[in-house]
N, C-alpha and C. Protein backbone atom coordinates (compact mmCIF):
# COMPACT_ATOMS: atom_id res chain seq x y z
N MET A 1 1.50 -24.41 11.05
CA MET A 1 1.27 -23.58 9.87
C MET A 1 2.53 -22.76 10.50
N ILE A 2 3.44 -21.73 9.00
CA ILE A 2 4.58 -20.92 9.46
C ILE A 2 3.82 -19.50 9.71
N SER A 3 3.61 -18.82 10.67
CA SER A 3 3.48 -17.67 11.28
C SER A 3 4.45 -16.74 10.44
N ILE A 4 3.94 -15.53 10.38
CA ILE A 4 4.82 -14.57 9.90
C ILE A 4 5.94 -14.27 11.06
N ARG A 5 5.63 -14.35 12.50
CA ARG A 5 6.84 -14.35 13.21
C ARG A 5 7.71 -15.03 13.12
N LYS A 6 7.50 -16.19 12.98
CA LYS A 6 8.67 -17.21 12.62
C LYS A 6 9.27 -17.17 11.18
N LEU A 7 8.89 -16.68 10.36
CA LEU A 7 9.51 -16.24 9.11
C LEU A 7 10.12 -15.11 9.20
N SER A 8 9.85 -14.33 10.03
CA SER A 8 10.73 -12.66 10.51
C SER A 8 11.87 -13.45 10.95
N LEU A 9 11.96 -14.55 12.09
CA LEU A 9 12.54 -14.49 12.80
C LEU A 9 13.76 -15.75 11.53
N PHE A 10 13.18 -16.46 10.73
CA PHE A 10 13.84 -16.85 9.61
C PHE A 10 14.76 -15.81 8.82
N GLU A 11 14.24 -14.93 8.83
CA GLU A 11 14.60 -13.88 8.00
C GLU A 11 15.91 -13.39 8.70
N VAL A 12 15.71 -12.72 10.13
CA VAL A 12 17.03 -12.29 11.00
C VAL A 12 18.13 -13.46 10.66
N LEU A 13 17.93 -14.87 11.25
CA LEU A 13 19.10 -15.16 11.11
C LEU A 13 19.78 -15.87 10.33
N ALA A 14 18.74 -16.25 9.21
CA ALA A 14 19.05 -16.66 7.65
C ALA A 14 19.78 -15.13 6.85
N LYS A 15 19.54 -13.89 7.58
CA LYS A 15 20.05 -12.61 6.71
C LYS A 15 19.67 -12.32 5.39
N LYS A 16 18.26 -13.31 4.84
CA LYS A 16 17.90 -12.97 3.66
C LYS A 16 16.36 -13.33 3.55
N SER A 17 15.59 -12.81 2.49
CA SER A 17 14.28 -12.75 2.60
C SER A 17 13.88 -14.14 2.49
N TYR A 18 12.38 -14.00 3.24
CA TYR A 18 11.75 -15.05 3.03
C TYR A 18 11.21 -15.98 1.67
N LEU A 19 11.37 -15.05 0.43
CA LEU A 19 11.27 -15.71 -0.88
C LEU A 19 12.65 -16.22 -1.13
N GLN A 20 13.77 -16.44 -0.64
CA GLN A 20 14.58 -17.21 -0.74
C GLN A 20 15.06 -18.53 0.03
N LEU A 21 13.70 -18.75 0.52
CA LEU A 21 13.90 -19.67 1.33
C LEU A 21 13.71 -21.40 0.59
N GLY A 22 14.74 -22.34 1.25
CA GLY A 22 14.79 -23.47 0.37
C GLY A 22 16.05 -23.45 -0.56
N GLU A 23 17.09 -22.54 -0.44
CA GLU A 23 18.02 -22.12 -1.95
C GLU A 23 19.07 -22.95 -0.77
N ASP A 24 18.90 -23.13 0.16
CA ASP A 24 20.37 -23.69 0.66
C ASP A 24 20.18 -24.75 1.63
N GLU A 25 20.61 -25.63 1.76
CA GLU A 25 20.41 -27.00 3.12
C GLU A 25 20.25 -26.09 4.59
N GLU A 26 20.96 -25.48 4.86
CA GLU A 26 21.24 -24.35 5.92
C GLU A 26 19.64 -24.00 6.24
N ASP A 27 19.05 -23.36 4.83
CA ASP A 27 17.61 -22.95 5.26
C ASP A 27 16.78 -23.83 5.97
N TYR A 28 17.01 -24.97 5.56
CA TYR A 28 16.11 -26.00 6.75
C TYR A 28 16.40 -26.19 8.14
N TYR A 29 17.67 -26.03 8.38
CA TYR A 29 18.17 -25.74 9.76
C TYR A 29 17.51 -24.71 10.50
N ILE A 30 17.32 -23.66 10.03
CA ILE A 30 17.53 -22.24 10.48
C ILE A 30 15.85 -22.59 10.59
N LEU A 31 14.91 -22.69 9.59
CA LEU A 31 13.60 -23.04 9.50
C LEU A 31 13.05 -23.71 10.83
N ALA A 32 13.82 -24.88 10.83
CA ALA A 32 13.66 -25.75 11.87
C ALA A 32 13.20 -25.37 13.63
N TYR A 33 14.47 -24.28 13.17
CA TYR A 33 14.66 -23.52 14.46
C TYR A 33 13.59 -23.01 15.14
N CYS A 34 13.31 -22.17 14.03
CA CYS A 34 12.12 -21.16 14.29
C CYS A 34 11.02 -21.66 14.49
N LEU A 35 10.62 -23.14 13.80
CA LEU A 35 9.46 -23.26 13.94
C LEU A 35 9.25 -24.31 14.94
N ASN A 36 9.70 -24.89 15.55
CA ASN A 36 10.03 -25.45 16.93
C ASN A 36 10.39 -24.64 17.99
N GLU A 37 10.52 -23.42 17.88
CA GLU A 37 10.57 -22.17 18.77
C GLU A 37 11.41 -22.80 20.04
N VAL A 38 12.89 -23.67 19.36
CA VAL A 38 13.95 -23.92 20.02
C VAL A 38 14.61 -22.78 20.76
N GLY A 39 14.56 -21.59 20.46
CA GLY A 39 15.49 -20.61 21.10
C GLY A 39 14.34 -20.20 22.43
N GLU A 40 13.44 -19.91 22.48
CA GLU A 40 12.56 -20.02 23.80
C GLU A 40 13.31 -21.07 24.70
N LYS A 41 13.17 -22.26 24.56
CA LYS A 41 13.66 -23.28 25.30
C LYS A 41 15.11 -22.45 25.44
N GLY A 42 15.80 -21.85 25.23
CA GLY A 42 17.69 -21.44 25.95
C GLY A 42 18.44 -22.39 25.18
N ILE A 43 18.16 -22.86 23.53
CA ILE A 43 19.07 -23.34 23.01
C ILE A 43 19.35 -22.36 21.47
N THR A 44 20.67 -22.06 21.35
CA THR A 44 21.08 -21.61 20.22
C THR A 44 20.85 -21.95 19.15
N LEU A 45 20.82 -21.27 17.90
CA LEU A 45 20.81 -22.01 16.32
C LEU A 45 21.99 -22.74 16.35
N GLU A 46 23.03 -22.59 16.68
CA GLU A 46 24.21 -22.84 16.64
C GLU A 46 24.05 -24.39 17.28
N GLU A 47 23.75 -24.34 18.72
CA GLU A 47 23.67 -25.65 19.20
C GLU A 47 22.81 -26.75 18.32
N TYR A 48 21.34 -26.40 17.94
CA TYR A 48 20.22 -26.69 17.22
C TYR A 48 21.10 -27.75 15.82
N VAL A 49 21.45 -26.70 15.46
CA VAL A 49 22.17 -27.30 14.19
C VAL A 49 23.15 -28.22 14.30
N LYS A 50 23.96 -28.39 15.60
CA LYS A 50 24.82 -28.95 15.45
C LYS A 50 24.21 -30.71 15.96
N ALA A 51 23.15 -30.61 16.68
CA ALA A 51 22.30 -31.75 17.38
C ALA A 51 21.75 -32.74 16.31
N LEU A 52 21.03 -31.63 15.22
CA LEU A 52 20.43 -32.12 14.14
C LEU A 52 21.17 -32.94 12.84
N LYS A 53 22.56 -32.10 12.70
CA LYS A 53 23.57 -32.84 12.13
C LYS A 53 24.01 -33.96 12.69
N CYS A 54 24.14 -33.92 13.94
CA CYS A 54 24.49 -35.51 14.36
C CYS A 54 23.68 -36.44 14.01
N ASN A 55 22.25 -36.06 14.37
CA ASN A 55 20.92 -37.10 13.94
C ASN A 55 20.30 -36.81 12.51
N LYS A 56 21.43 -37.79 11.75
CA LYS A 56 20.73 -37.17 10.10
C LYS A 56 19.12 -37.62 9.93
N LYS A 57 18.45 -38.90 10.62
CA LYS A 57 17.60 -39.08 10.90
C LYS A 57 16.70 -38.10 11.36
N VAL A 58 16.83 -37.53 12.26
CA VAL A 58 15.84 -36.74 12.61
C VAL A 58 15.92 -35.28 11.92
N PHE A 59 16.76 -35.11 11.34
CA PHE A 59 17.28 -34.20 10.39
C PHE A 59 15.91 -34.14 9.03
N LEU A 60 15.96 -35.36 8.71
CA LEU A 60 15.47 -35.72 7.21
C LEU A 60 14.00 -35.92 7.64
N LYS A 61 13.73 -36.14 8.34
CA LYS A 61 11.93 -36.02 8.93
C LYS A 61 11.57 -34.83 9.22
N GLU A 62 12.48 -33.92 10.12
CA GLU A 62 12.02 -32.01 10.22
C GLU A 62 12.08 -31.82 8.75
N GLN A 63 13.34 -32.23 8.03
CA GLN A 63 13.33 -31.42 6.49
C GLN A 63 11.98 -31.83 5.51
N ALA A 64 11.44 -32.86 5.62
CA ALA A 64 10.48 -33.72 4.91
C ALA A 64 9.17 -32.74 5.65
N GLN A 65 9.14 -32.37 6.62
CA GLN A 65 7.64 -31.93 6.87
C GLN A 65 7.66 -30.13 6.75
N ILE A 66 9.09 -29.74 6.86
CA ILE A 66 9.53 -28.58 6.35
C ILE A 66 8.79 -27.62 4.73
N GLU A 67 9.59 -29.19 4.28
CA GLU A 67 9.30 -29.17 2.82
C GLU A 67 7.83 -28.90 2.36
N GLN A 68 6.88 -29.99 2.98
CA GLN A 68 5.57 -29.90 2.83
C GLN A 68 4.72 -28.62 3.29
N GLU A 69 5.43 -27.93 4.23
CA GLU A 69 4.92 -26.57 4.81
C GLU A 69 5.36 -25.16 3.75
N VAL A 70 6.71 -25.59 3.43
CA VAL A 70 7.02 -24.50 2.50
C VAL A 70 6.19 -24.62 1.15
N LYS A 71 5.60 -25.59 0.56
CA LYS A 71 5.23 -26.14 -0.51
C LYS A 71 4.02 -25.57 -0.16
N CYS A 72 3.40 -25.59 0.79
CA CYS A 72 1.84 -25.51 1.03
C CYS A 72 1.64 -23.98 0.99
N LEU A 73 2.88 -23.23 1.43
CA LEU A 73 3.16 -21.40 1.63
C LEU A 73 3.34 -20.94 0.74
N MET A 74 4.56 -21.50 -0.39
CA MET A 74 4.89 -21.11 -2.03
C MET A 74 3.38 -20.83 -2.68
N GLN A 75 2.35 -22.03 -2.59
CA GLN A 75 1.17 -21.79 -3.53
C GLN A 75 0.63 -20.59 -3.08
N THR A 76 0.89 -19.59 -1.75
CA THR A 76 0.12 -18.59 -1.83
C THR A 76 0.91 -17.73 -2.30
N PHE A 77 2.13 -17.52 -2.55
CA PHE A 77 2.82 -16.19 -3.01
C PHE A 77 2.22 -16.08 -4.57
N PRO A 78 2.44 -14.65 -4.51
CA PRO A 78 2.04 -14.16 -5.89
C PRO A 78 2.87 -14.62 -7.08
N LYS A 79 2.00 -15.50 -8.25
CA LYS A 79 2.78 -15.32 -9.40
C LYS A 79 3.50 -14.27 -10.30
N GLY A 80 4.69 -14.44 -10.65
CA GLY A 80 4.89 -13.06 -11.27
C GLY A 80 5.95 -13.46 -12.48
N ASN A 81 6.60 -12.80 -13.72
CA ASN A 81 7.35 -13.08 -14.15
C ASN A 81 8.80 -13.32 -13.50
N GLU A 82 9.75 -13.74 -14.19
CA GLU A 82 10.77 -14.09 -13.39
C GLU A 82 11.92 -12.99 -12.83
N GLU A 83 11.73 -11.57 -14.00
CA GLU A 83 12.02 -10.80 -13.86
C GLU A 83 11.73 -9.97 -12.20
N SER A 84 10.47 -9.99 -12.36
CA SER A 84 9.60 -8.96 -10.72
C SER A 84 9.99 -10.13 -9.39
N ASN A 85 10.05 -11.55 -10.32
CA ASN A 85 10.75 -12.37 -8.86
C ASN A 85 11.88 -12.11 -8.23
N LYS A 86 13.23 -11.67 -9.47
CA LYS A 86 14.29 -11.16 -8.87
C LYS A 86 14.43 -10.46 -7.80
N ASN A 87 13.76 -8.67 -8.55
CA ASN A 87 13.42 -7.88 -7.63
C ASN A 87 12.89 -8.22 -6.40
N SER A 88 11.82 -8.69 -6.38
CA SER A 88 11.21 -9.27 -5.21
C SER A 88 12.33 -9.83 -4.21
N ASN A 89 13.02 -10.38 -4.26
CA ASN A 89 13.90 -11.58 -3.37
C ASN A 89 14.39 -10.69 -2.17
N ASP A 90 14.44 -9.25 -2.18
CA ASP A 90 15.18 -8.54 -0.93
C ASP A 90 13.63 -7.75 -0.30
N VAL A 91 13.07 -8.15 -0.59
CA VAL A 91 11.56 -7.98 -0.04
C VAL A 91 11.53 -8.65 1.53
N SER A 92 11.42 -7.86 2.66
CA SER A 92 11.44 -8.36 3.37
C SER A 92 10.04 -8.48 4.63
N ILE A 93 9.71 -10.06 5.14
CA ILE A 93 8.19 -9.68 5.50
C ILE A 93 8.16 -9.08 6.84
N LEU A 94 9.65 -9.05 7.64
CA LEU A 94 9.64 -8.07 8.77
C LEU A 94 8.96 -6.72 8.79
N GLU A 95 9.81 -6.34 7.34
CA GLU A 95 9.14 -4.78 7.26
C GLU A 95 8.09 -4.76 6.50
N ILE A 96 7.29 -5.88 5.81
CA ILE A 96 6.18 -5.62 5.48
C ILE A 96 4.97 -5.79 6.69
N ALA A 97 5.49 -6.55 7.76
CA ALA A 97 4.52 -6.87 8.86
C ALA A 97 4.52 -5.67 9.80
N CYS A 98 5.94 -5.52 9.96
CA CYS A 98 6.16 -4.00 10.26
C CYS A 98 5.26 -2.58 10.25
N SER A 99 4.95 -2.61 8.35
CA SER A 99 4.39 -1.63 8.21
C SER A 99 2.97 -1.82 8.26
N LEU A 100 2.44 -2.62 8.46
CA LEU A 100 0.83 -3.11 8.67
C LEU A 100 0.58 -3.07 9.52
N VAL A 101 1.42 -3.09 11.08
CA VAL A 101 1.21 -2.68 12.30
C VAL A 101 1.28 -1.07 12.52
N ALA A 102 2.37 -0.38 11.75
CA ALA A 102 2.04 0.95 12.11
C ALA A 102 0.98 1.39 11.20
N ASN A 103 0.31 1.28 10.27
CA ASN A 103 -0.81 1.62 9.45
C ASN A 103 -2.29 1.06 10.83
N GLY A 104 -2.11 -0.01 12.14
CA GLY A 104 -3.07 -0.21 12.09
C GLY A 104 -3.70 -1.13 12.53
N VAL A 105 -2.90 -2.15 11.91
CA VAL A 105 -2.98 -3.34 11.83
C VAL A 105 -3.04 -4.09 13.49
N ASN A 106 -3.53 -4.69 13.76
CA ASN A 106 -3.35 -5.32 15.11
C ASN A 106 -2.01 -6.39 15.14
N ALA A 107 -1.19 -6.14 15.78
CA ALA A 107 -0.07 -6.73 15.93
C ALA A 107 0.14 -8.17 16.23
N GLU A 108 -0.52 -8.76 16.98
CA GLU A 108 -0.81 -9.97 17.24
C GLU A 108 -1.28 -10.82 16.17
N PHE A 109 -2.47 -9.82 15.43
CA PHE A 109 -2.85 -10.50 14.39
C PHE A 109 -2.02 -11.17 13.31
N VAL A 110 -1.48 -9.90 12.78
CA VAL A 110 -0.28 -10.00 11.90
C VAL A 110 0.76 -10.86 12.25
N PHE A 111 1.61 -10.86 13.42
CA PHE A 111 2.66 -11.71 13.59
C PHE A 111 2.03 -13.18 13.75
N ASP A 112 0.97 -13.31 14.61
CA ASP A 112 0.47 -14.65 14.91
C ASP A 112 -0.16 -15.50 14.00
N LYS A 113 -1.82 -14.38 13.55
CA LYS A 113 -2.74 -15.44 13.34
C LYS A 113 -2.53 -14.95 11.50
N MET A 114 -1.80 -14.11 10.63
CA MET A 114 -2.27 -13.95 9.32
C MET A 114 -2.01 -15.12 8.82
N ASP A 115 -2.62 -15.05 7.87
CA ASP A 115 -1.86 -15.89 6.79
C ASP A 115 -0.82 -15.11 5.53
N ILE A 116 -0.36 -15.56 4.70
CA ILE A 116 0.54 -15.17 3.76
C ILE A 116 -0.30 -14.39 2.95
N TRP A 117 -1.08 -15.02 2.11
CA TRP A 117 -2.15 -14.77 1.31
C TRP A 117 -2.72 -13.39 1.67
N GLN A 118 -2.85 -12.80 2.90
CA GLN A 118 -3.87 -12.05 3.38
C GLN A 118 -3.11 -10.47 3.05
N ILE A 119 -1.60 -10.70 2.94
CA ILE A 119 -0.78 -9.41 2.92
C ILE A 119 -1.16 -8.51 1.94
N LYS A 120 -0.96 -9.31 0.89
CA LYS A 120 -1.29 -8.19 -0.81
C LYS A 120 -2.47 -7.58 -0.70
N PRO A 121 -3.83 -8.52 0.09
CA PRO A 121 -5.03 -7.45 0.02
C PRO A 121 -4.43 -6.36 1.08
N LEU A 122 -4.23 -6.57 1.95
CA LEU A 122 -4.32 -5.74 3.06
C LEU A 122 -3.26 -4.41 2.49
N LEU A 123 -2.06 -4.73 2.15
CA LEU A 123 -1.39 -4.10 1.27
C LEU A 123 -1.83 -3.11 0.18
N ASP A 124 -2.60 -3.55 -0.66
CA ASP A 124 -3.65 -3.08 -1.28
C ASP A 124 -4.57 -1.98 -0.98
N ALA A 125 -5.14 -2.83 0.28
CA ALA A 125 -6.16 -1.54 0.72
C ALA A 125 -5.55 -0.54 1.40
N MET A 126 -4.32 -0.72 2.26
CA MET A 126 -3.83 0.59 2.55
C MET A 126 -3.39 1.63 1.24
N TYR A 127 -2.61 0.85 -0.07
CA TYR A 127 -1.97 1.83 -0.60
C TYR A 127 -3.42 2.67 -1.46
N THR A 128 -4.50 1.90 -1.68
CA THR A 128 -5.98 2.77 -2.01
C THR A 128 -6.21 3.72 -1.22
N LYS A 129 -6.17 3.53 0.08
CA LYS A 129 -6.36 4.38 1.25
C LYS A 129 -5.76 5.89 1.36
N GLU A 130 -4.30 5.50 1.09
CA GLU A 130 -3.22 6.43 1.61
C GLU A 130 -3.39 7.40 -0.25
N LYS A 131 -4.19 6.71 -1.34
CA LYS A 131 -4.12 7.48 -2.10
C LYS A 131 -5.44 8.66 -2.24
N LYS A 132 -6.34 7.85 -1.64
CA LYS A 132 -7.77 8.72 -1.72
C LYS A 132 -7.42 9.82 -0.75
N ASP A 133 -6.77 9.53 0.26
CA ASP A 133 -6.38 10.81 1.61
C ASP A 133 -5.52 11.43 0.99
N LEU A 134 -4.27 11.12 0.07
CA LEU A 134 -4.04 12.34 -0.46
C LEU A 134 -4.83 13.31 -1.46
N GLU A 135 -5.75 12.39 -2.33
CA GLU A 135 -6.48 13.51 -3.38
C GLU A 135 -7.19 13.93 -2.39
N ASN A 136 -7.86 13.44 -1.43
CA ASN A 136 -9.07 14.39 -0.87
C ASN A 136 -8.35 15.68 -0.25
N THR A 137 -6.92 15.52 0.44
CA THR A 137 -6.29 16.60 0.86
C THR A 137 -5.64 17.50 -0.47
N ARG A 138 -5.36 16.90 -1.41
CA ARG A 138 -5.54 17.78 -2.95
C ARG A 138 -6.60 19.06 -2.77
N PHE A 139 -7.36 18.24 -2.78
CA PHE A 139 -9.06 18.50 -3.60
C PHE A 139 -9.10 20.02 -2.27
N TRP A 140 -8.79 19.68 -1.04
CA TRP A 140 -9.17 20.78 -0.14
C TRP A 140 -8.43 21.58 -0.22
N ASN A 141 -6.95 21.54 -0.26
CA ASN A 141 -6.05 22.43 -0.75
C ASN A 141 -6.25 23.08 -1.43
N PHE A 142 -6.54 22.79 -2.93
CA PHE A 142 -7.15 23.49 -4.15
C PHE A 142 -8.55 24.06 -3.93
N LEU A 143 -9.39 24.04 -3.14
CA LEU A 143 -10.41 24.55 -2.57
C LEU A 143 -10.18 26.03 -1.75
N ASN A 144 -9.06 25.74 -0.70
CA ASN A 144 -8.48 26.64 0.03
C ASN A 144 -7.71 27.59 -0.70
N LEU A 145 -6.82 27.06 -2.18
CA LEU A 145 -6.07 27.88 -2.42
C LEU A 145 -6.89 28.95 -3.33
N SER A 146 -8.03 28.37 -4.16
CA SER A 146 -8.64 28.79 -5.30
C SER A 146 -8.85 30.40 -5.32
N PRO A 147 -9.41 30.98 -4.02
CA PRO A 147 -9.43 32.60 -4.01
C PRO A 147 -8.26 33.13 -4.53
N HIS A 148 -7.13 32.61 -4.47
CA HIS A 148 -5.59 33.36 -4.28
C HIS A 148 -4.96 33.21 -5.39
N ILE A 149 -5.28 31.83 -6.49
CA ILE A 149 -4.86 31.79 -7.56
C ILE A 149 -5.61 31.86 -9.20
N ASP A 150 -4.55 31.83 -9.66
CA ASP A 150 -5.36 31.93 -11.24
C ASP A 150 -5.85 30.98 -11.93
N THR A 151 -7.40 30.83 -11.72
CA THR A 151 -8.33 30.08 -12.29
C THR A 151 -8.35 29.67 -13.87
N LYS A 152 -7.43 30.35 -14.49
CA LYS A 152 -7.48 30.13 -16.22
C LYS A 152 -6.30 29.22 -16.07
N LYS A 153 -4.78 28.95 -15.17
CA LYS A 153 -4.39 28.20 -15.24
C LYS A 153 -4.33 27.12 -14.15
N THR A 154 -5.14 27.10 -13.35
CA THR A 154 -5.60 26.16 -12.64
C THR A 154 -6.41 26.01 -12.29
N LYS A 155 -7.26 24.84 -13.18
CA LYS A 155 -8.80 24.39 -13.18
C LYS A 155 -9.13 23.51 -12.20
N SER A 156 -7.98 22.69 -11.87
CA SER A 156 -8.58 21.46 -11.05
C SER A 156 -7.47 20.92 -10.25
N PRO A 157 -7.70 20.69 -9.27
CA PRO A 157 -6.74 19.64 -8.16
C PRO A 157 -5.56 19.26 -8.71
N LYS A 158 -5.70 18.60 -9.98
CA LYS A 158 -4.58 18.19 -10.58
C LYS A 158 -3.67 19.13 -10.85
N ASP A 159 -3.99 19.96 -11.46
CA ASP A 159 -3.11 21.47 -12.24
C ASP A 159 -2.22 21.84 -10.95
N LEU A 160 -2.61 21.36 -9.72
CA LEU A 160 -1.77 21.92 -8.39
C LEU A 160 -0.51 20.76 -8.27
N VAL A 161 -0.93 19.37 -8.10
CA VAL A 161 -0.16 18.42 -7.79
C VAL A 161 -0.68 17.38 -8.82
N LEU A 162 0.35 16.76 -9.50
CA LEU A 162 -0.45 15.33 -10.29
C LEU A 162 0.92 14.44 -9.73
N PHE A 163 0.02 13.45 -8.77
CA PHE A 163 0.37 12.40 -8.51
C PHE A 163 1.05 11.16 -9.07
N SER A 164 2.12 10.43 -8.48
CA SER A 164 2.52 9.72 -9.34
C SER A 164 2.23 8.76 -10.05
N TRP A 165 0.84 7.73 -9.37
CA TRP A 165 0.07 7.13 -10.06
C TRP A 165 -0.69 7.70 -11.36
N GLU A 166 -0.66 9.02 -11.04
CA GLU A 166 -1.40 10.00 -11.81
C GLU A 166 -0.54 10.11 -13.18
N GLU A 167 0.33 10.07 -12.85
CA GLU A 167 1.48 10.23 -14.49
C GLU A 167 1.52 9.20 -14.68
N GLU A 168 1.32 8.34 -14.28
CA GLU A 168 1.51 6.57 -14.96
C GLU A 168 0.38 6.57 -15.57
N GLU A 169 -0.72 6.66 -15.45
CA GLU A 169 -2.11 6.66 -16.18
C GLU A 169 -2.32 7.53 -17.41
N LYS A 170 -1.49 8.59 -17.21
CA LYS A 170 -1.46 9.54 -18.02
C LYS A 170 -0.97 9.23 -19.37
N ARG A 171 0.53 8.80 -19.00
CA ARG A 171 1.59 8.10 -20.06
C ARG A 171 1.04 7.03 -20.64
N GLN A 172 0.26 6.09 -19.89
CA GLN A 172 -0.35 5.13 -20.28
C GLN A 172 -1.18 5.32 -21.60
N LYS A 173 -2.41 6.07 -20.94
CA LYS A 173 -3.72 6.92 -21.85
C LYS A 173 -2.65 7.32 -23.25
N GLN A 174 -1.84 7.96 -23.36
CA GLN A 174 -1.38 8.50 -24.52
C GLN A 174 -0.22 7.74 -25.50
N LYS A 175 -0.18 6.26 -24.31
CA LYS A 175 0.91 5.51 -25.17
C LYS A 175 -0.33 4.78 -26.45
N GLU A 176 -1.89 4.11 -25.67
CA GLU A 176 -2.64 3.66 -25.66
C GLU A 176 -3.00 4.35 -27.05
N GLN A 177 -3.42 5.77 -27.23
CA GLN A 177 -3.62 6.88 -28.03
C GLN A 177 -2.67 6.48 -29.25
N LYS A 178 -1.23 6.89 -29.30
CA LYS A 178 -0.35 6.70 -29.78
C LYS A 178 -0.61 5.30 -30.77
N GLU A 179 -0.67 4.31 -30.46
CA GLU A 179 -0.90 2.43 -30.88
C GLU A 179 -2.32 2.62 -31.48
N ASP A 180 -3.34 3.41 -30.90
CA ASP A 180 -4.33 3.34 -31.85
C ASP A 180 -4.38 4.47 -32.84
N LEU A 181 -3.93 5.65 -33.25
CA LEU A 181 -3.47 6.26 -34.50
C LEU A 181 -2.85 5.63 -35.12
N ILE A 182 -1.60 4.75 -34.88
CA ILE A 182 -0.72 4.24 -35.72
C ILE A 182 -1.93 2.58 -36.62
N ALA A 183 -2.32 2.45 -35.57
CA ALA A 183 -3.33 1.57 -35.97
C ALA A 183 -4.25 1.96 -36.89
N ARG A 184 -5.02 2.89 -37.20
CA ARG A 184 -5.67 3.36 -38.09
C ARG A 184 -5.09 3.79 -39.24
N ILE A 185 -3.96 4.66 -38.67
CA ILE A 185 -2.92 5.01 -40.22
C ILE A 185 -2.84 3.92 -41.33
N GLU A 186 -2.16 2.73 -40.69
CA GLU A 186 -1.96 1.58 -41.39
C GLU A 186 -3.14 1.16 -41.85
N GLN A 187 -4.62 0.84 -41.15
CA GLN A 187 -5.51 0.38 -41.68
C GLN A 187 -6.24 1.40 -42.75
N ILE A 188 -5.84 2.98 -42.98
CA ILE A 188 -6.47 3.79 -44.15
C ILE A 188 -5.35 3.61 -45.41
N ASN A 189 -4.02 3.19 -44.82
CA ASN A 189 -3.37 2.59 -45.99
C ASN A 189 -3.12 1.64 -46.41
N ALA A 190 -3.52 0.50 -45.78
CA ALA A 190 -4.22 -0.77 -46.48
C ALA A 190 -5.42 -0.70 -47.24
N ASN A 191 -6.48 0.28 -46.91
CA ASN A 191 -7.43 0.03 -47.72
C ASN A 191 -7.39 1.17 -48.97
N LYS A 192 -6.18 1.95 -49.09
CA LYS A 192 -5.94 2.68 -50.37
C LYS A 192 -5.47 1.28 -51.18
N LYS A 193 -4.84 0.56 -51.02
CA LYS A 193 -4.49 -0.33 -51.47
C LYS A 193 -5.12 -1.18 -52.63
């Protein structure tokens, strides 16, 4: 299994995101080095690559095994359009893992036991919790400030601060209302003819 620890090491050594894994033949050498934990045996990446290049038969066996593991890994990646995939190529698994750990997820679990597919649900849950915490803080600040503010202008906590996700929801709702209005006008015009 390709652990997040091993993918993180790949990113550090390859100097690119795990999402770009397999773009170069060199990636297979680096990933083989990471998966076989050769560095822990006192062998450098350069020495390992040199040894593999000298023994093509061993490398081809390693490459086939790695390709199979990468295929299994890739099926867990979220599918998206090509534009979003281009933008996500700079996403680092190490940064994601450290973010999870910083938010209280056990480091041993994150780096050694967690599967890639578990990242998105954990990040979504963290994002939802952060939103609720911010909204809760805004609500209590609104209550604390309410005796001191003009209640005609500030009727709800959203009048104090509008968060980015609320602005997006507001824009989306306005867009839908506009499209609905245009559709109604077109329907009325079609009925008149």
